[in-house]
PDB file of N, CA and C in Angstrom:
ATOM      1  N   MET A   1       7.518  21.006 -59.421  1.00  0.00           N
ATOM      2  CA  MET A   1       6.839  19.652 -60.445  1.00  0.00           C
ATOM      3  C   MET A   1       5.944  18.807 -59.990  1.00  0.00           C
ATOM      4  N   LEU A   2       6.389  18.250 -59.160  1.00  0.00           N
ATOM      5  CA  LEU A   2       5.348  16.994 -58.814  1.00  0.00           C
ATOM      6  C   LEU A   2       4.690  17.573 -58.217  1.00  0.00           C
ATOM      7  N   ALA A   3       4.268  18.535 -57.720  1.00  0.00           N
ATOM      8  CA  ALA A   3       3.153  18.965 -57.034  1.00  0.00           C
ATOM      9  C   ALA A   3       2.016  19.389 -58.062  1.00  0.00           C
ATOM     10  N   ARG A   4       2.829  19.805 -59.037  1.00  0.00           N
ATOM     11  CA  ARG A   4       1.525  20.070 -60.534  1.00  0.00           C
ATOM     12  C   ARG A   4       1.075  18.822 -60.691  1.00  0.00           C
ATOM     13  N   LEU A   5       1.597  17.285 -61.119  1.00  0.00           N
ATOM     14  CA  LEU A   5       1.387  16.367 -61.392  1.00  0.00           C
ATOM     15  C   LEU A   5      -0.294  16.029 -61.106  1.00  0.00           C
ATOM     16  N   THR A   6      -0.749  15.350 -62.114  1.00  0.00           N
ATOM     17  CA  THR A   6      -2.648  14.753 -61.840  1.00  0.00           C
ATOM     18  C   THR A   6      -2.049  13.479 -61.022  1.00  0.00           C
ATOM     19  N   PRO A   7      -3.259  12.808 -60.285  1.00  0.00           N
ATOM     20  CA  PRO A   7      -3.070  11.688 -59.319  1.00  0.00           C
ATOM     21  C   PRO A   7      -2.694  10.317 -60.451  1.00  0.00           C
ATOM     22  N   GLN A   8      -3.443  10.796 -61.869  1.00  0.00           N
ATOM     23  CA  GLN A   8      -3.163   9.539 -62.776  1.00  0.00           C
ATOM     24  C   GLN A   8      -1.686   9.684 -63.500  1.00  0.00           C
ATOM     25  N   GLU A   9      -0.821  11.093 -63.351  1.00  0.00           N
ATOM     26  CA  GLU A   9       0.009  11.195 -63.800  1.00  0.00           C
ATOM     27  C   GLU A   9       1.292  10.804 -62.923  1.00  0.00           C
ATOM     28  N   LEU A  10       0.728  11.027 -61.798  1.00  0.00           N
ATOM     29  CA  LEU A  10       1.852  10.558 -60.513  1.00  0.00           C
ATOM     30  C   LEU A  10       2.086   8.968 -60.375  1.00  0.00           C
ATOM     31  N   ARG A  11       0.647   8.402 -60.781  1.00  0.00           N
ATOM     32  CA  ARG A  11       0.988   6.862 -61.017  1.00  0.00           C
ATOM     33  C   ARG A  11       1.766   6.546 -61.920  1.00  0.00           C
ATOM     34  N   GLN A  12       1.894   7.293 -63.117  1.00  0.00           N
ATOM     35  CA  GLN A  12       2.822   7.108 -64.574  1.00  0.00           C
ATOM     36  C   GLN A  12       4.028   7.188 -63.996  1.00  0.00           C
ATOM     37  N   ALA A  13       4.406   8.074 -63.218  1.00  0.00           N
ATOM     38  CA  ALA A  13       5.316   8.638 -62.603  1.00  0.00           C
ATOM     39  C   ALA A  13       6.211   7.495 -62.048  1.00  0.00           C
ATOM     40  N   GLU A  14       5.338   6.893 -60.994  1.00  0.00           N
ATOM     41  CA  GLU A  14       5.723   5.933 -59.693  1.00  0.00           C
ATOM     42  C   GLU A  14       5.525   4.307 -60.743  1.00  0.00           C
ATOM     43  N   ALA A  15       5.206   4.314 -61.682  1.00  0.00           N
ATOM     44  CA  ALA A  15       5.353   3.047 -62.598  1.00  0.00           C
ATOM     45  C   ALA A  15       6.705   3.128 -63.235  1.00  0.00           C
ATOM     46  N   LEU A  16       6.983   4.070 -63.803  1.00  0.00           N
ATOM     47  CA  LEU A  16       8.523   4.211 -64.288  1.00  0.00           C
ATOM     48  C   LEU A  16       9.374   4.054 -63.514  1.00  0.00           C
ATOM     49  N   PHE A  17       9.578   4.590 -62.426  1.00  0.00           N
ATOM     50  CA  PHE A  17      10.138   4.393 -60.911  1.00  0.00           C
ATOM     51  C   PHE A  17      10.697   3.059 -60.715  1.00  0.00           C
ATOM     52  N   VAL A  18       9.735   2.160 -60.554  1.00  0.00           N
ATOM     53  CA  VAL A  18       9.650   1.177 -60.082  1.00  0.00           C
ATOM     54  C   VAL A  18      10.197   0.020 -61.425  1.00  0.00           C
ATOM     55  N   ASP A  19       9.888   0.421 -62.679  1.00  0.00           N
ATOM     56  CA  ASP A  19      10.704  -0.356 -63.542  1.00  0.00           C
ATOM     57  C   ASP A  19      12.166   0.085 -63.657  1.00  0.00           C
ATOM     58  N   ALA A  20      12.500   1.246 -63.705  1.00  0.00           N
ATOM     59  CA  ALA A  20      13.801   1.539 -63.508  1.00  0.00           C
ATOM     60  C   ALA A  20      14.473   0.735 -62.390  1.00  0.00           C
ATOM     61  N   ARG A  21      13.900   1.034 -61.157  1.00  0.00           N
ATOM     62  CA  ARG A  21      14.798  -0.021 -60.132  1.00  0.00           C
ATOM     63  C   ARG A  21      14.879  -1.346 -60.470  1.00  0.00           C
ATOM     64  N   LYS A  22      13.781  -1.836 -60.982  1.00  0.00           N
ATOM     65  CA  LYS A  22      13.856  -3.474 -61.301  1.00  0.00           C
ATOM     66  C   LYS A  22      14.836  -3.448 -62.406  1.00  0.00           C
ATOM     67  N   ARG A  23      14.865  -2.490 -63.578  1.00  0.00           N
ATOM     68  CA  ARG A  23      16.366  -2.770 -64.275  1.00  0.00           C
ATOM     69  C   ARG A  23      17.686  -2.950 -63.727  1.00  0.00           C
ATOM     70  N   ALA A  24      17.531  -1.713 -62.806  1.00  0.00           N
ATOM     71  CA  ALA A  24      19.412  -1.386 -62.200  1.00  0.00           C
ATOM     72  C   ALA A  24      19.710  -2.609 -61.203  1.00  0.00           C
ATOM     73  N   GLU A  25      18.735  -3.198 -60.386  1.00  0.00           N
ATOM     74  CA  GLU A  25      18.900  -4.255 -59.317  1.00  0.00           C
ATOM     75  C   GLU A  25      19.390  -5.446 -60.563  1.00  0.00           C
ATOM     76  N   ALA A  26      18.482  -5.544 -61.705  1.00  0.00           N
ATOM     77  CA  ALA A  26      18.956  -6.803 -62.143  1.00  0.00           C
ATOM     78  C   ALA A  26      20.521  -6.807 -62.803  1.00  0.00           C
ATOM     79  N   VAL A  27      20.759  -5.382 -63.332  1.00  0.00           N
ATOM     80  CA  VAL A  27      21.997  -5.470 -63.877  1.00  0.00           C
ATOM     81  C   VAL A  27      23.176  -5.699 -62.468  1.00  0.00           C
ATOM     82  N   LEU A  28      22.954  -5.468 -61.151  1.00  0.00           N
ATOM     83  CA  LEU A  28      24.000  -5.350 -59.910  1.00  0.00           C
ATOM     84  C   LEU A  28      23.961  -6.771 -59.662  1.00  0.00           C
ATOM     85  N   GLU A  29      22.724  -6.896 -59.872  1.00  0.00           N
ATOM     86  CA  GLU A  29      22.912  -8.724 -59.420  1.00  0.00           C
ATOM     87  C   GLU A  29      23.860  -9.275 -60.450  1.00  0.00           C
ATOM     88  N   ILE A  30      23.908  -8.904 -61.673  1.00  0.00           N
ATOM     89  CA  ILE A  30      24.398  -9.572 -62.919  1.00  0.00           C
ATOM     90  C   ILE A  30      25.612  -9.619 -62.605  1.00  0.00           C
ATOM     91  N   ASP A  31      25.959  -8.014 -62.188  1.00  0.00           N
ATOM     92  CA  ASP A  31      27.663  -7.782 -62.160  1.00  0.00           C
ATOM     93  C   ASP A  31      28.014  -8.445 -60.666  1.00  0.00           C
ATOM     94  N   ALA A  32      27.447  -8.493 -59.552  1.00  0.00           N
ATOM     95  CA  ALA A  32      28.034  -9.037 -58.373  1.00  0.00           C
ATOM     96  C   ALA A  32      28.305 -10.646 -58.741  1.00  0.00           C
ATOM     97  N   ARG A  33      27.797 -11.634 -59.762  1.00  0.00           N
ATOM     98  CA  ARG A  33      28.265 -12.665 -59.813  1.00  0.00           C
ATOM     99  C   ARG A  33      29.651 -13.180 -59.688  1.00  0.00           C
ATOM    100  N   ALA A  34      30.576 -11.975 -59.767  1.00  0.00           N
ATOM    101  CA  ALA A  34      31.717 -12.035 -59.898  1.00  0.00           C
ATOM    102  C   ALA A  34      32.390 -11.578 -58.402  1.00  0.00           C
ATOM    103  N   ASP A  35      31.375 -11.357 -57.626  1.00  0.00           N
ATOM    104  CA  ASP A  35      32.153 -10.887 -56.334  1.00  0.00           C
ATOM    105  C   ASP A  35      32.480 -12.220 -55.768  1.00  0.00           C
ATOM    106  N   ALA A  36      33.209 -11.804 -54.321  1.00  0.00           N
ATOM    107  CA  ALA A  36      33.780 -12.911 -53.806  1.00  0.00           C
ATOM    108  C   ALA A  36      33.705 -13.871 -53.853  1.00  0.00           C
ATOM    109  N   ASP A  37      32.172 -14.522 -53.951  1.00  0.00           N
ATOM    110  CA  ASP A  37      31.884 -15.987 -53.798  1.00  0.00           C
ATOM    111  C   ASP A  37      31.153 -16.104 -54.821  1.00  0.00           C
ATOM    112  N   GLY A  38      30.625 -15.063 -55.512  1.00  0.00           N
ATOM    113  CA  GLY A  38      29.682 -15.533 -56.773  1.00  0.00           C
ATOM    114  C   GLY A  38      29.675 -16.738 -57.872  1.00  0.00           C
ATOM    115  N   PRO A  39      28.965 -16.920 -58.754  1.00  0.00           N
ATOM    116  CA  PRO A  39      28.682 -17.924 -59.458  1.00  0.00           C
ATOM    117  C   PRO A  39      30.310 -17.905 -60.397  1.00  0.00           C
ATOM    118  N   ALA A  40      30.934 -16.760 -60.669  1.00  0.00           N
ATOM    119  CA  ALA A  40      31.504 -16.154 -61.985  1.00  0.00           C
ATOM    120  C   ALA A  40      33.197 -15.682 -61.003  1.00  0.00           C
ATOM    121  N   ALA A  41      33.204 -16.305 -59.808  1.00  0.00           N
ATOM    122  CA  ALA A  41      34.576 -15.757 -58.655  1.00  0.00           C
ATOM    123  C   ALA A  41      35.376 -16.533 -59.618  1.00  0.00           C
ATOM    124  N   SER A  42      35.391 -17.809 -60.060  1.00  0.00           N
ATOM    125  CA  SER A  42      36.617 -18.226 -60.546  1.00  0.00           C
ATOM    126  C   SER A  42      36.527 -18.151 -62.479  1.00  0.00           C
ATOM    127  N   CYS A  43      38.309 -18.888 -62.942  1.00  0.00           N
ATOM    128  CA  CYS A  43      37.912 -18.061 -64.427  1.00  0.00           C
ATOM    129  C   CYS A  43      37.320 -19.080 -64.675  1.00  0.00           C
ATOM    130  N   PRO A  44      36.413 -18.193 -66.153  1.00  0.00           N
ATOM    131  CA  PRO A  44      35.650 -19.370 -66.407  1.00  0.00           C
ATOM    132  C   PRO A  44      36.473 -20.742 -67.601  1.00  0.00           C
ATOM    133  N   ARG A  45      37.850 -20.298 -68.265  1.00  0.00           N
ATOM    134  CA  ARG A  45      38.111 -21.072 -68.875  1.00  0.00           C
ATOM    135  C   ARG A  45      38.989 -21.935 -68.198  1.00  0.00           C
ATOM    136  N   CYS A  46      40.068 -21.757 -67.116  1.00  0.00           N
ATOM    137  CA  CYS A  46      40.692 -22.648 -66.608  1.00  0.00           C
ATOM    138  C   CYS A  46      39.871 -23.020 -64.988  1.00  0.00           C
ATOM    139  N   GLY A  47      39.153 -22.277 -64.633  1.00  0.00           N
ATOM    140  CA  GLY A  47      38.764 -22.599 -63.316  1.00  0.00           C
ATOM    141  C   GLY A  47      39.690 -22.286 -62.144  1.00  0.00           C
ATOM    142  N   GLY A  48      40.584 -21.766 -62.297  1.00  0.00           N
ATOM    143  CA  GLY A  48      41.262 -20.829 -61.400  1.00  0.00           C
ATOM    144  C   GLY A  48      40.955 -19.769 -60.483  1.00  0.00           C
ATOM    145  N   ASP A  49      41.346 -20.168 -59.198  1.00  0.00           N
ATOM    146  CA  ASP A  49      41.076 -18.403 -58.394  1.00  0.00           C
ATOM    147  C   ASP A  49      41.824 -17.547 -58.060  1.00  0.00           C
ATOM    148  N   ALA A  50      43.104 -17.692 -58.930  1.00  0.00           N
ATOM    149  CA  ALA A  50      44.103 -16.536 -59.153  1.00  0.00           C
ATOM    150  C   ALA A  50      43.740 -15.639 -60.142  1.00  0.00           C
ATOM    151  N   ARG A  51      43.240 -14.568 -59.575  1.00  0.00           N
ATOM    152  CA  ARG A  51      42.449 -13.389 -60.134  1.00  0.00           C
ATOM    153  C   ARG A  51      42.823 -12.176 -60.065  1.00  0.00           C
ATOM    154  N   THR A  52      42.794 -11.192 -60.312  1.00  0.00           N
ATOM    155  CA  THR A  52      42.945  -9.661 -60.271  1.00  0.00           C
ATOM    156  C   THR A  52      42.170  -8.521 -60.815  1.00  0.00           C
ATOM    157  N   ARG A  53      41.786  -7.598 -60.760  1.00  0.00           N
ATOM    158  CA  ARG A  53      41.016  -6.426 -61.129  1.00  0.00           C
ATOM    159  C   ARG A  53      42.041  -6.213 -62.434  1.00  0.00           C
ATOM    160  N   TRP A  54      40.841  -5.982 -63.847  1.00  0.00           N
ATOM    161  CA  TRP A  54      41.883  -5.779 -64.892  1.00  0.00           C
ATOM    162  C   TRP A  54      40.497  -4.954 -65.564  1.00  0.00           C
ATOM    163  N   GLY A  55      40.072  -3.574 -64.867  1.00  0.00           N
ATOM    164  CA  GLY A  55      39.917  -2.582 -65.294  1.00  0.00           C
ATOM    165  C   GLY A  55      38.149  -2.771 -65.253  1.00  0.00           C
ATOM    166  N   ARG A  56      37.405  -2.062 -66.231  1.00  0.00           N
ATOM    167  CA  ARG A  56      35.558  -1.949 -65.803  1.00  0.00           C
ATOM    168  C   ARG A  56      35.219  -2.097 -67.846  1.00  0.00           C
ATOM    169  N   THR A  57      33.907  -2.660 -67.622  1.00  0.00           N
ATOM    170  CA  THR A  57      34.083  -2.793 -69.003  1.00  0.00           C
ATOM    171  C   THR A  57      33.350  -1.159 -69.458  1.00  0.00           C
ATOM    172  N   ARG A  58      32.952  -0.586 -70.941  1.00  0.00           N
ATOM    173  CA  ARG A  58      32.223   0.078 -71.032  1.00  0.00           C
ATOM    174  C   ARG A  58      30.751   0.471 -70.327  1.00  0.00           C
ATOM    175  N   THR A  59      30.638  -0.484 -69.944  1.00  0.00           N
ATOM    176  CA  THR A  59      28.999  -0.552 -69.136  1.00  0.00           C
ATOM    177  C   THR A  59      29.666  -0.747 -67.850  1.00  0.00           C
ATOM    178  N   SER A  60      31.074   0.179 -66.966  1.00  0.00           N
ATOM    179  CA  SER A  60      30.973  -0.071 -65.867  1.00  0.00           C
ATOM    180  C   SER A  60      30.940  -1.547 -64.845  1.00  0.00           C
ATOM    181  N   ALA A  61      31.049  -2.434 -65.543  1.00  0.00           N
ATOM    182  CA  ALA A  61      31.079  -3.926 -64.893  1.00  0.00           C
ATOM    183  C   ALA A  61      32.433  -4.358 -64.527  1.00  0.00           C
ATOM    184  N   GLN A  62      32.589  -4.784 -63.756  1.00  0.00           N
ATOM    185  CA  GLN A  62      34.170  -5.139 -63.333  1.00  0.00           C
ATOM    186  C   GLN A  62      35.026  -6.341 -63.878  1.00  0.00           C
ATOM    187  N   ARG A  63      35.950  -6.242 -64.593  1.00  0.00           N
ATOM    188  CA  ARG A  63      36.780  -7.106 -65.254  1.00  0.00           C
ATOM    189  C   ARG A  63      37.731  -7.631 -64.311  1.00  0.00           C
ATOM    190  N   TRP A  64      38.020  -9.099 -64.358  1.00  0.00           N
ATOM    191  CA  TRP A  64      39.032  -9.524 -64.491  1.00  0.00           C
ATOM    192  C   TRP A  64      39.818 -10.585 -65.133  1.00  0.00           C
ATOM    193  N   HIS A  65      41.326 -10.830 -64.226  1.00  0.00           N
ATOM    194  CA  HIS A  65      42.241 -11.316 -65.216  1.00  0.00           C
ATOM    195  C   HIS A  65      42.401 -12.703 -65.015  1.00  0.00           C
ATOM    196  N   CYS A  66      42.948 -13.569 -65.103  1.00  0.00           N
ATOM    197  CA  CYS A  66      43.024 -14.685 -64.299  1.00  0.00           C
ATOM    198  C   CYS A  66      44.738 -15.058 -64.409  1.00  0.00           C
ATOM    199  N   SER A  67      45.638 -14.918 -63.577  1.00  0.00           N
ATOM    200  CA  SER A  67      46.931 -14.587 -63.413  1.00  0.00           C
ATOM    201  C   SER A  67      47.098 -16.332 -64.033  1.00  0.00           C
ATOM    202  N   GLU A  68      46.434 -17.405 -64.130  1.00  0.00           N
ATOM    203  CA  GLU A  68      46.782 -18.585 -64.475  1.00  0.00           C
ATOM    204  C   GLU A  68      47.164 -18.949 -65.981  1.00  0.00           C
ATOM    205  N   CYS A  69      45.747 -18.330 -66.337  1.00  0.00           N
ATOM    206  CA  CYS A  69      45.926 -18.456 -68.095  1.00  0.00           C
ATOM    207  C   CYS A  69      45.584 -17.683 -68.739  1.00  0.00           C
ATOM    208  N   GLY A  70      44.966 -16.252 -68.255  1.00  0.00           N
ATOM    209  CA  GLY A  70      45.643 -14.646 -69.192  1.00  0.00           C
ATOM    210  C   GLY A  70      44.373 -14.320 -69.504  1.00  0.00           C
ATOM    211  N   ALA A  71      42.884 -15.487 -69.363  1.00  0.00           N
ATOM    212  CA  ALA A  71      42.014 -15.291 -69.137  1.00  0.00           C
ATOM    213  C   ALA A  71      40.836 -13.841 -68.871  1.00  0.00           C
ATOM    214  N   THR A  72      39.835 -13.002 -69.899  1.00  0.00           N
ATOM    215  CA  THR A  72      39.864 -12.136 -68.524  1.00  0.00           C
ATOM    216  C   THR A  72      38.174 -12.517 -68.863  1.00  0.00           C
ATOM    217  N   TRP A  73      37.522 -12.353 -68.212  1.00  0.00           N
ATOM    218  CA  TRP A  73      35.718 -12.185 -68.006  1.00  0.00           C
ATOM    219  C   TRP A  73      35.185 -10.986 -66.638  1.00  0.00           C
ATOM    220  N   SER A  74      33.802 -10.690 -66.929  1.00  0.00           N
ATOM    221  CA  SER A  74      33.123 -10.101 -66.113  1.00  0.00           C
ATOM    222  C   SER A  74      32.258 -10.846 -65.553  1.00  0.00           C
ATOM    223  N   GLY A  75      31.243 -10.394 -64.506  1.00  0.00           N
ATOM    224  CA  GLY A  75      30.043 -11.182 -64.359  1.00  0.00           C
ATOM    225  C   GLY A  75      29.056 -11.294 -65.017  1.00  0.00           C
ATOM    226  N   ARG A  76      29.292 -10.631 -65.876  1.00  0.00           N
ATOM    227  CA  ARG A  76      28.262 -10.438 -67.070  1.00  0.00           C
ATOM    228  C   ARG A  76      28.344 -12.225 -68.555  1.00  0.00           C
ATOM    229  N   SER A  77      29.849 -12.465 -68.129  1.00  0.00           N
ATOM    230  CA  SER A  77      30.306 -13.298 -69.198  1.00  0.00           C
ATOM    231  C   SER A  77      29.360 -14.436 -68.935  1.00  0.00           C
ATOM    232  N   GLY A  78      29.213 -15.405 -69.862  1.00  0.00           N
ATOM    233  CA  GLY A  78      28.149 -16.453 -69.948  1.00  0.00           C
ATOM    234  C   GLY A  78      26.848 -15.919 -69.078  1.00  0.00           C
ATOM    235  N   THR A  79      26.363 -14.427 -69.585  1.00  0.00           N
ATOM    236  CA  THR A  79      24.669 -14.347 -69.421  1.00  0.00           C
ATOM    237  C   THR A  79      24.406 -14.055 -70.440  1.00  0.00           C
ATOM    238  N   PRO A  80      23.106 -13.985 -70.143  1.00  0.00           N
ATOM    239  CA  PRO A  80      22.671 -13.136 -71.872  1.00  0.00           C
ATOM    240  C   PRO A  80      23.337 -11.271 -72.351  1.00  0.00           C
ATOM    241  N   LEU A  81      23.405 -10.775 -70.760  1.00  0.00           N
ATOM    242  CA  LEU A  81      23.880  -9.614 -71.217  1.00  0.00           C
ATOM    243  C   LEU A  81      25.719  -9.754 -71.509  1.00  0.00           C
ATOM    244  N   ALA A  82      25.902 -10.638 -71.630  1.00  0.00           N
ATOM    245  CA  ALA A  82      27.523 -10.787 -72.037  1.00  0.00           C
ATOM    246  C   ALA A  82      27.943  -9.658 -72.412  1.00  0.00           C
ATOM    247  N   ARG A  83      27.684  -9.486 -74.276  1.00  0.00           N
ATOM    248  CA  ARG A  83      27.857  -8.533 -75.138  1.00  0.00           C
ATOM    249  C   ARG A  83      26.957  -7.350 -75.364  1.00  0.00           C
ATOM    250  N   VAL A  84      26.047  -7.156 -74.118  1.00  0.00           N
ATOM    251  CA  VAL A  84      25.339  -6.072 -74.742  1.00  0.00           C
ATOM    252  C   VAL A  84      25.898  -4.652 -73.979  1.00  0.00           C
ATOM    253  N   HIS A  85      25.902  -4.040 -75.129  1.00  0.00           N
ATOM    254  CA  HIS A  85      26.741  -3.084 -74.427  1.00  0.00           C
ATOM    255  C   HIS A  85      25.830  -1.860 -74.266  1.00  0.00           C
ATOM    256  N   ARG A  86      24.194  -2.053 -73.892  1.00  0.00           N
ATOM    257  CA  ARG A  86      23.345  -0.869 -73.254  1.00  0.00           C
ATOM    258  C   ARG A  86      22.165  -1.598 -72.363  1.00  0.00           C
ATOM    259  N   PRO A  87      22.607  -2.549 -70.893  1.00  0.00           N
ATOM    260  CA  PRO A  87      22.299  -3.463 -70.582  1.00  0.00           C
ATOM    261  C   PRO A  87      20.372  -2.832 -69.850  1.00  0.00           C
ATOM    262  N   ALA A  88      20.799  -1.704 -70.060  1.00  0.00           N
ATOM    263  CA  ALA A  88      19.563  -1.009 -69.533  1.00  0.00           C
ATOM    264  C   ALA A  88      18.236  -1.330 -70.322  1.00  0.00           C
ATOM    265  N   TRP A  89      18.800  -0.938 -71.883  1.00  0.00           N
ATOM    266  CA  TRP A  89      17.734  -1.368 -72.680  1.00  0.00           C
ATOM    267  C   TRP A  89      17.253  -2.366 -73.296  1.00  0.00           C
ATOM    268  N   TRP A  90      18.156  -3.342 -73.160  1.00  0.00           N
ATOM    269  CA  TRP A  90      17.908  -4.637 -73.120  1.00  0.00           C
ATOM    270  C   TRP A  90      16.840  -5.175 -71.956  1.00  0.00           C
ATOM    271  N   LEU A  91      17.456  -4.799 -70.876  1.00  0.00           N
ATOM    272  CA  LEU A  91      16.290  -5.206 -69.684  1.00  0.00           C
ATOM    273  C   LEU A  91      15.012  -4.521 -69.864  1.00  0.00           C
ATOM    274  N   ARG A  92      15.193  -3.425 -70.188  1.00  0.00           N
ATOM    275  CA  ARG A  92      13.698  -3.041 -70.085  1.00  0.00           C
ATOM    276  C   ARG A  92      12.566  -3.844 -70.977  1.00  0.00           C
ATOM    277  N   TRP A  93      12.787  -4.723 -71.744  1.00  0.00           N
ATOM    278  CA  TRP A  93      11.905  -5.487 -72.808  1.00  0.00           C
ATOM    279  C   TRP A  93      11.553  -7.090 -71.907  1.00  0.00           C
ATOM    280  N   ARG A  94      12.725  -6.932 -70.857  1.00  0.00           N
ATOM    281  CA  ARG A  94      13.002  -8.719 -70.471  1.00  0.00           C
ATOM    282  C   ARG A  94      12.493  -8.494 -69.022  1.00  0.00           C
ATOM    283  N   VAL A  95      12.372  -7.341 -68.436  1.00  0.00           N
ATOM    284  CA  VAL A  95      12.253  -7.638 -66.904  1.00  0.00           C
ATOM    285  C   VAL A  95      10.717  -6.873 -66.576  1.00  0.00           C
ATOM    286  N   THR A  96       9.804  -7.724 -65.837  1.00  0.00           N
ATOM    287  CA  THR A  96       8.789  -6.950 -65.970  1.00  0.00           C
ATOM    288  C   THR A  96       7.997  -6.674 -64.669  1.00  0.00           C
TER     289      THR A  96
END
């Protein structure tokens, strides 16, 4: 199918792929905040470091549970994506 595209259509398709890659990278970067030494690695409520994995959100972000105070959070907590259920749609209008 790609072989049948005109040069202009190929440029448009390439631009769409670049945009999709940027959106995916932005979501991955935000989700990585709660990894090992990221800014969301400690509990946002009490600051404790005793955390365990606590499932995933609807959008597949890792959730964490604080063993000290019982709070739960993800790497998206405290970001503009905190309560967004479709981050790819939101990022479509924010990432250039």
